[in-house]
Protein backbone atom coordinates (compact mmCIF):
# COMPACT_ATOMS: atom_id res chain seq x y z
CA UNK A 1 149.83 107.48 -9.55
CA UNK A 2 149.31 104.58 -11.92
CA UNK A 3 146.03 104.77 -13.87
CA UNK A 4 144.37 102.00 -15.84
CA UNK A 5 141.02 101.94 -17.62
CA UNK A 6 138.32 99.29 -17.38
CA UNK A 7 136.80 100.32 -20.70
CA UNK A 8 138.79 100.70 -23.91
CA UNK A 9 136.73 103.75 -24.87
CA UNK A 10 137.79 105.63 -21.72
CA UNK A 11 141.46 104.90 -22.44
CA UNK A 12 140.90 106.20 -25.98
CA UNK A 13 139.25 109.40 -24.65
CA UNK A 14 142.22 109.90 -22.34
CA UNK A 15 144.67 109.65 -25.24
CA UNK A 16 142.75 111.35 -28.04
CA UNK A 17 141.52 114.89 -27.38
CA UNK A 18 139.49 115.04 -30.56
CA UNK A 19 137.64 111.82 -29.77
CA UNK A 20 137.07 112.90 -26.16
CA UNK A 21 135.52 116.19 -27.30
CA UNK A 22 133.38 114.39 -29.87
CA UNK A 23 132.03 111.86 -27.35
CA UNK A 24 132.02 113.87 -24.09
CA UNK A 25 131.60 117.45 -25.25
CA UNK A 26 134.15 120.23 -24.88
CA UNK A 27 133.67 121.01 -21.18
CA UNK A 28 133.48 117.41 -19.92
CA UNK A 29 136.42 116.31 -22.10
CA UNK A 30 138.56 119.18 -20.76
CA UNK A 31 137.69 118.43 -17.14
CA UNK A 32 138.17 114.69 -17.69
CA UNK A 33 141.74 115.44 -18.81
CA UNK A 34 142.32 117.79 -15.86
CA UNK A 35 141.18 115.15 -13.36
CA UNK A 36 143.37 112.49 -15.01
CA UNK A 37 146.36 114.86 -14.97
CA UNK A 38 145.77 115.53 -11.26
CA UNK A 39 145.62 111.80 -10.56
CA UNK A 40 148.72 111.04 -12.65
CA UNK A 41 150.70 113.75 -10.82
CA UNK A 42 149.68 112.39 -7.41
CA UNK A 43 151.76 109.87 -5.51
CA UNK A 44 148.76 108.62 -3.52
CA UNK A 45 145.03 109.23 -3.56
CA UNK A 46 145.47 111.52 -0.54
CA UNK A 47 147.30 114.00 -2.79
CA UNK A 48 144.09 114.78 -4.72
CA UNK A 49 141.68 114.61 -1.80
CA UNK A 50 141.37 118.39 -1.42
CA UNK A 51 141.86 119.45 -5.04
CA UNK A 52 139.01 120.85 -7.14
CA UNK A 53 136.81 118.05 -8.39
CA UNK A 54 135.40 116.85 -5.06
CA UNK A 55 137.22 113.52 -4.74
CA UNK A 56 135.17 111.33 -2.43
CA UNK A 57 134.42 107.76 -1.36
CA UNK A 58 131.16 106.27 -2.53
CA UNK A 59 128.75 104.34 -0.32
CA UNK A 60 125.99 101.76 -0.61
CA UNK A 61 126.25 99.50 -3.65
CA UNK A 62 129.28 101.53 -4.79
CA UNK A 63 131.28 101.07 -1.58
CA UNK A 64 134.95 100.56 -2.46
CA UNK A 65 134.72 103.00 -5.34
CA UNK A 66 135.63 106.70 -5.46
CA UNK A 67 134.39 109.53 -7.63
CA UNK A 68 135.29 113.03 -8.68
CA UNK A 69 133.37 115.59 -10.70
CA UNK A 70 134.32 116.40 -14.25
CA UNK A 71 131.15 118.49 -14.56
CA UNK A 72 127.87 118.30 -12.70
CA UNK A 73 126.01 115.95 -12.56
CA UNK A 74 128.56 113.57 -14.11
CA UNK A 75 131.11 111.63 -12.07
CA UNK A 76 134.41 110.02 -12.98
CA UNK A 77 134.24 106.73 -11.05
CA UNK A 78 137.32 104.71 -10.13
CA UNK A 79 138.53 101.89 -7.89
CA UNK A 80 141.90 101.46 -6.19
CA UNK A 81 144.30 98.88 -7.60
CA UNK A 82 145.02 97.72 -4.05
CA UNK A 83 143.09 94.60 -3.12
CA UNK A 84 141.92 94.58 -0.47
CA UNK A 85 141.63 98.33 -0.15
CA UNK A 86 143.70 99.37 2.91
CA UNK A 87 141.62 100.29 5.97
CA UNK A 88 142.49 101.41 9.49
CA UNK A 89 141.28 99.86 12.74
CA UNK A 90 138.00 101.82 12.42
CA UNK A 91 137.27 100.48 8.94
CA UNK A 92 138.07 103.79 7.22
CA UNK A 93 139.94 103.70 3.93
CA UNK A 94 143.57 104.85 4.12
CA UNK A 95 143.94 107.24 1.19
CA UNK A 96 147.72 107.50 1.74
CA UNK A 97 148.15 103.82 0.84
CA UNK A 98 146.26 103.92 -2.46
CA UNK A 99 148.86 104.33 -5.21
CA UNK A 100 146.96 103.29 -8.32
CA UNK A 101 143.43 103.38 -9.68
CA UNK A 102 141.32 101.88 -12.43
CA UNK A 103 138.87 104.27 -14.09
CA UNK A 104 135.53 102.48 -14.30
CA UNK A 105 133.18 104.93 -16.00
CA UNK A 106 131.90 108.46 -16.45
CA UNK A 107 128.21 108.70 -15.66
CA UNK A 108 125.41 110.53 -13.95
CA UNK A 109 124.32 108.00 -11.31
CA UNK A 110 121.99 110.36 -9.44
């Protein structure tokens, strides 16, 4: 899957282990890399749906975004590259048709 980054700092964390550990801490940096590796290895978003990390759609003011867990309570938040996001006749997102994402942020939004 194609991955882009909305924030330069997130792209830098993804490409520099030392910086990621310095800014995110050892555990979060490691899990951030694991989640990115899972996403990169996937062909579509459906491929990661049932992997560790609890990949899920967000609701409310974050509708159209997805999240996964690097470590609790933090979330890696991303949006599909597809615009509009593919939906079926019931308005449900079609995970099989999402082939790229943009990483938005890592945060605790709870």
